[in-house]
Amino acid sequence: MPSACQHKEANSMVEEFMLLANISVAAETTRAFPQCAMLRRHPCPQPGAFDGLNHALRQHGVELDATSSLTLGASLDKCVKPDQPYFNKLVRILATRSMQQACAAKPIHWLAH
């Protein structure tokens, strides 16, 4: 049976390959369509979606502002404990689970001036 350490190493390797795949696709897309940009965005958080997470976070003296995607991102950046990397990662994982799924924005054509 694999240990937790091996599991984490495997997860890390998968994450690295996914990141490399995304970078490769982005580079090829940029080469093929230099005048366009494809954007992903997360819709505004659903009301109440972060209530449970915020209840738990308040016990640690922090809270997320899920009023908008912008405030959520800013509050996630502040919601860290420098000496507890697992806490920081867990907060981001749980926040991601509470977010709406990202969607593609309309393509943007760069204006040539």
Protein backbone atom coordinates (compact mmCIF):
# COMPACT_ATOMS: atom_id res chain seq x y z
CA MET A 1 0.00 0.00 0.00
CA PRO A 2 1.50 3.40 -0.97
CA SER A 3 2.41 5.78 1.80
CA ALA A 4 1.07 9.32 2.14
CA CYS A 5 4.47 10.62 1.04
CA GLN A 6 4.33 8.66 -2.21
CA HIS A 7 0.79 9.86 -2.81
CA LYS A 8 1.84 13.49 -2.40
CA GLU A 9 4.78 12.99 -4.76
CA ALA A 10 2.47 11.45 -7.36
CA ASN A 11 -0.01 14.30 -6.99
CA SER A 12 2.78 16.82 -7.37
CA MET A 13 4.01 15.10 -10.52
CA VAL A 14 0.52 15.10 -12.04
CA GLU A 15 0.14 18.81 -11.19
CA GLU A 16 3.47 19.56 -12.86
CA PHE A 17 2.51 17.68 -16.03
CA MET A 18 -0.87 19.42 -16.14
CA LEU A 19 0.87 22.78 -15.80
CA LEU A 20 3.35 21.90 -18.56
CA ALA A 21 0.49 20.79 -20.80
CA ASN A 22 -1.35 24.08 -20.19
CA ILE A 23 1.80 26.07 -20.93
CA SER A 24 2.40 24.12 -24.15
CA VAL A 25 -1.17 24.60 -25.34
CA ALA A 26 -1.03 28.31 -24.50
CA ALA A 27 2.23 28.73 -26.42
CA GLU A 28 0.86 26.92 -29.48
CA THR A 29 -2.43 28.85 -29.34
CA THR A 30 -0.53 32.14 -29.11
CA ARG A 31 1.59 31.14 -32.09
CA ALA A 32 -1.42 30.10 -34.17
CA PHE A 33 -3.68 33.00 -33.17
CA PRO A 34 -1.43 35.95 -32.27
CA GLN A 35 -4.23 38.52 -32.57
CA CYS A 36 -6.57 36.78 -30.09
CA ALA A 37 -6.71 36.01 -26.41
CA MET A 38 -8.74 33.32 -24.67
CA LEU A 39 -9.74 34.14 -21.15
CA ARG A 40 -11.24 32.10 -18.34
CA ARG A 41 -13.09 33.64 -15.48
CA HIS A 42 -14.97 32.53 -12.42
CA PRO A 43 -18.48 33.94 -12.07
CA CYS A 44 -19.25 35.77 -8.83
CA PRO A 45 -19.52 33.42 -5.87
CA GLN A 46 -22.99 32.14 -5.05
CA PRO A 47 -24.48 33.79 -1.94
CA GLY A 48 -23.80 31.60 1.06
CA ALA A 49 -21.34 29.33 -0.74
CA PHE A 50 -18.53 30.29 1.64
CA ASP A 51 -20.54 30.42 4.87
CA GLY A 52 -19.36 27.04 6.15
CA LEU A 53 -15.74 27.71 5.25
CA ASN A 54 -15.85 31.17 6.82
CA HIS A 55 -17.35 29.72 10.00
CA ALA A 56 -14.34 27.40 10.31
CA LEU A 57 -11.86 30.12 9.33
CA ARG A 58 -13.15 32.55 11.96
CA GLN A 59 -11.93 30.10 14.58
CA HIS A 60 -8.44 30.76 13.19
CA GLY A 61 -8.90 34.53 13.13
CA VAL A 62 -9.34 34.88 9.37
CA GLU A 63 -12.25 35.21 6.97
CA LEU A 64 -12.82 35.27 3.23
CA ASP A 65 -14.72 38.06 1.50
CA ALA A 66 -16.76 36.30 -1.18
CA THR A 67 -18.64 39.41 -2.30
CA SER A 68 -17.02 39.16 -5.73
CA SER A 69 -14.30 37.19 -7.47
CA LEU A 70 -11.95 40.15 -6.97
CA THR A 71 -12.54 40.42 -3.22
CA LEU A 72 -12.32 36.66 -2.86
CA GLY A 73 -8.92 36.60 -4.55
CA ALA A 74 -7.66 39.47 -2.42
CA SER A 75 -8.88 37.91 0.81
CA LEU A 76 -7.38 34.53 -0.15
CA ASP A 77 -4.02 36.25 -0.52
CA LYS A 78 -4.38 37.61 3.03
CA CYS A 79 -5.70 34.37 4.50
CA VAL A 80 -2.35 32.77 5.26
CA LYS A 81 -0.40 31.56 8.23
CA PRO A 82 3.29 31.79 7.27
CA ASP A 83 4.29 29.01 9.64
CA GLN A 84 1.51 26.62 8.52
CA PRO A 85 1.81 25.77 4.81
CA TYR A 86 -0.77 22.96 5.08
CA PHE A 87 -3.33 25.41 6.46
CA ASN A 88 -2.68 27.76 3.55
CA LYS A 89 -3.05 25.00 0.96
CA LEU A 90 -6.17 23.62 2.65
CA VAL A 91 -7.85 27.05 2.63
CA ARG A 92 -7.24 27.37 -1.11
CA ILE A 93 -8.46 23.84 -1.81
CA LEU A 94 -11.65 24.39 0.18
CA ALA A 95 -12.20 27.82 -1.38
CA THR A 96 -11.83 26.32 -4.85
CA ARG A 97 -14.49 23.74 -4.04
CA SER A 98 -16.87 26.54 -3.02
CA MET A 99 -16.33 28.52 -6.23
CA GLN A 100 -18.39 28.26 -9.35
CA GLN A 101 -16.72 26.50 -12.25
CA ALA A 102 -14.64 28.74 -14.49
CA CYS A 103 -16.03 29.52 -17.91
CA ALA A 104 -14.57 30.91 -21.09
CA ALA A 105 -15.01 34.59 -21.73
CA LYS A 106 -15.78 35.89 -25.19
CA PRO A 107 -12.68 36.02 -27.42
CA ILE A 108 -10.90 39.34 -27.56
CA HIS A 109 -9.25 40.55 -30.74
CA TRP A 110 -6.36 42.87 -30.06
CA LEU A 111 -6.77 46.26 -31.64
CA ALA A 112 -3.95 47.21 -33.96
CA HIS A 113 -2.96 50.85 -33.59
